[in-house]
Amino acid sequence: MILGIDVGGTHTDAVLIENLVVKRKTKVPTDEKNLLNSLLAVTTNLLRDEQPEKLERVVLSTTISTNAIVQKKTDRVGMILISGPGLPPSLLPVHEDSIHIRGYSNHRGAEMAAIDPEEVAQASRRFQEKEIRHLGVVGKFSTRNPKQETVVRDLLDGSYRHISMGHRLSGHLNFPRRIATTYLNESIWRRYNTFITQIQGFVRDQGITVPIYILKADGGTFDIEHSREFPVQTILSGPAASIMGILSMARCRRDAVALDMGGTTTDIALFADGVPLLEPFGVTIEGHKTLIRGLKTKSIGVGGDSLVSVTDGRLQIGPVREGPAYACGGPCPTPTDAMIVLGMTDIGDALLARRAMEDIGRQLNMGIEDAARAVYEETCRIVSAAVTSMVEEVNNKPVYTIHEILEGKKLIPKTLFVVGGPAGAIAPRMAELLGCPAQIPEHAEVANAIGAALARTTAEMTLLADTEQQLLTIAEDGYQEAIPARFTRADAIRIGQDRLRKKVMAMGAREEDLEIEVIEDMEFNMVKQFYTTGKNIRVKVQVKPGLIAGFTEGGKA
């Protein structure tokens, strides 16, 4: 059995899957002040009368990292940047707690100027004076040679709660994005690790001893203990769970739109020929452009429990959520109240829902039913406009899916998948507005939890071989080894596949789930004074995101 849990901002959903079939499912309100209460509720509901020894693994998706960034509940981070010559600081995503130090390595990883320990100590004293307890260290070409980042880390080891190093988070070269990624990783490190400690304690108290995994932004999972060092990988975990859930439940081979309407937000995703789109160079969150590969999603602040108000005679839906619907004991009118009045759902107290819409109608000079219809229409219109905008944005760029780049592809959605609590209520109108038929997959109300449960473990690895220096570097692992001058691209691919296989197995992957592919493969000659002195080889390999073995898109194999 697999236990899948999605800890959302409004609800915590969970499913128990046995023999790749949903055996039980549950949904409870998320207790934001104590998430463990929500976890206890769903596990009690699902595991009652079950044999815990039949459980194979637990997989969670969570909004804790995303919410910390969005709500600015992050820790202050001192950033030590080893920029070297070239890019001016004004073009980098730096802030008042960033300090540039001398020393640098060139684009091939050769150290051109050493780190000055006294300068590092001075920077640290300035951070200590500001009572900063978290540190990030990023060198421009640290993915080619991580030595200078590790030198700084070793000099300051023990002086901070934790230190994040840029080369451990991605093998990509993009310096500005690596600064942002390192900053975010460190800023949420304490909060995320507290959450993980609570989760592990809770699971232990329940007598559950199976492996626990966390869903990443790319729709893959990694071992919960391994995730402690890389919390930034879990941003946008919730929307990724939606996509994987839809992928598991709906048979789709055409361009499609997926909507997951929750209580606080609606997450939008697109499929090209039935395959989810990917942000290959990194997702963006709150203006921070990262190097974290993730499924392409867009979240808007409109959900079933969004605050409905009237400003200057015009309806306003969201982006704030003050609590549950008025009909369910909440403090203000919501789209859910409108749906109750219109007979689209029968949750809560219908009289309270009418009272909420009566208040809105009074401000709009219309009756209760007309006010409810206006709220419903405006909710669907906002979501529809966001979908149209996202499709237009995608069609102005190359289309990347989790499998490949589709040159010249223009997305024309033919199907609309709708999941989440209000799926049944909004699907018909959204289909009209978007001009394509709507489908509500089975178990749509807990799609996120299903997606988390069925996602496979993924990872990627970047190898850089310099045959002139006779050096192989794997930045994400902080690994370097000597290679012969005759080292080839085929050697790099073979080593990359072998090391990646070992890496993901250590992260908790199952052998039957591994689909390793080469996603970058290039080499060029290095020439000095008309002579070839060696080759620069770059190879990137990944475990392809997807569903666990035995489960294909649209259902059990």
Foldseek 3Di string as FASTA:
>chain_A
DEWFWEQDPFKIKIFDDDLQHTPDIDIDGQDVVDNVVRVVVGCCVHCVVHDLVVYAEYFYAYQLLQCCVVVVVWADEAEEEAEEDDDDPVPAPDDPRYDYFYWAADQQRHTPGAGDLVVLVVSVVVCVVVVGAEYEYEYQNCLNPVVRVVVSCVSCPPVHPDYHYLLQADSDRPRRQSRLQRRSLRGCLVVLVVVLVVVVVSCVVVVRDHWYWYAFQALAIFTSVVCSNPVSRSHNRQVSLLVLLQQQAADFQAWEWEWAAEQFKIKIWIAHRSFTFKPCQADAGPNRGHRHIHTDMDIDQAHQQFAWDADPLDIDTDSDGQHHAQQAVGDAHGLVLLCCCVVQDPDGHVVSSLVRQCVQCVSNVHHSNVSSVVRLVVSLVVVLVVNVVVLVVCQVDFTGGLVGTDPPDRRQHAEYEYAADSRSVNQVVNCVSSVHHYDYTPPRNNSSSSSRRFKFHKDKWKWKAWLLVQKIGTRSVSDMDGHHSPDDQVNVVVVRVVVRVVVRVVRPGDPQQFDKDKPDWDKDFDDDPRDTRGMIIMTMMMGRIHTGPQGGGNHGD
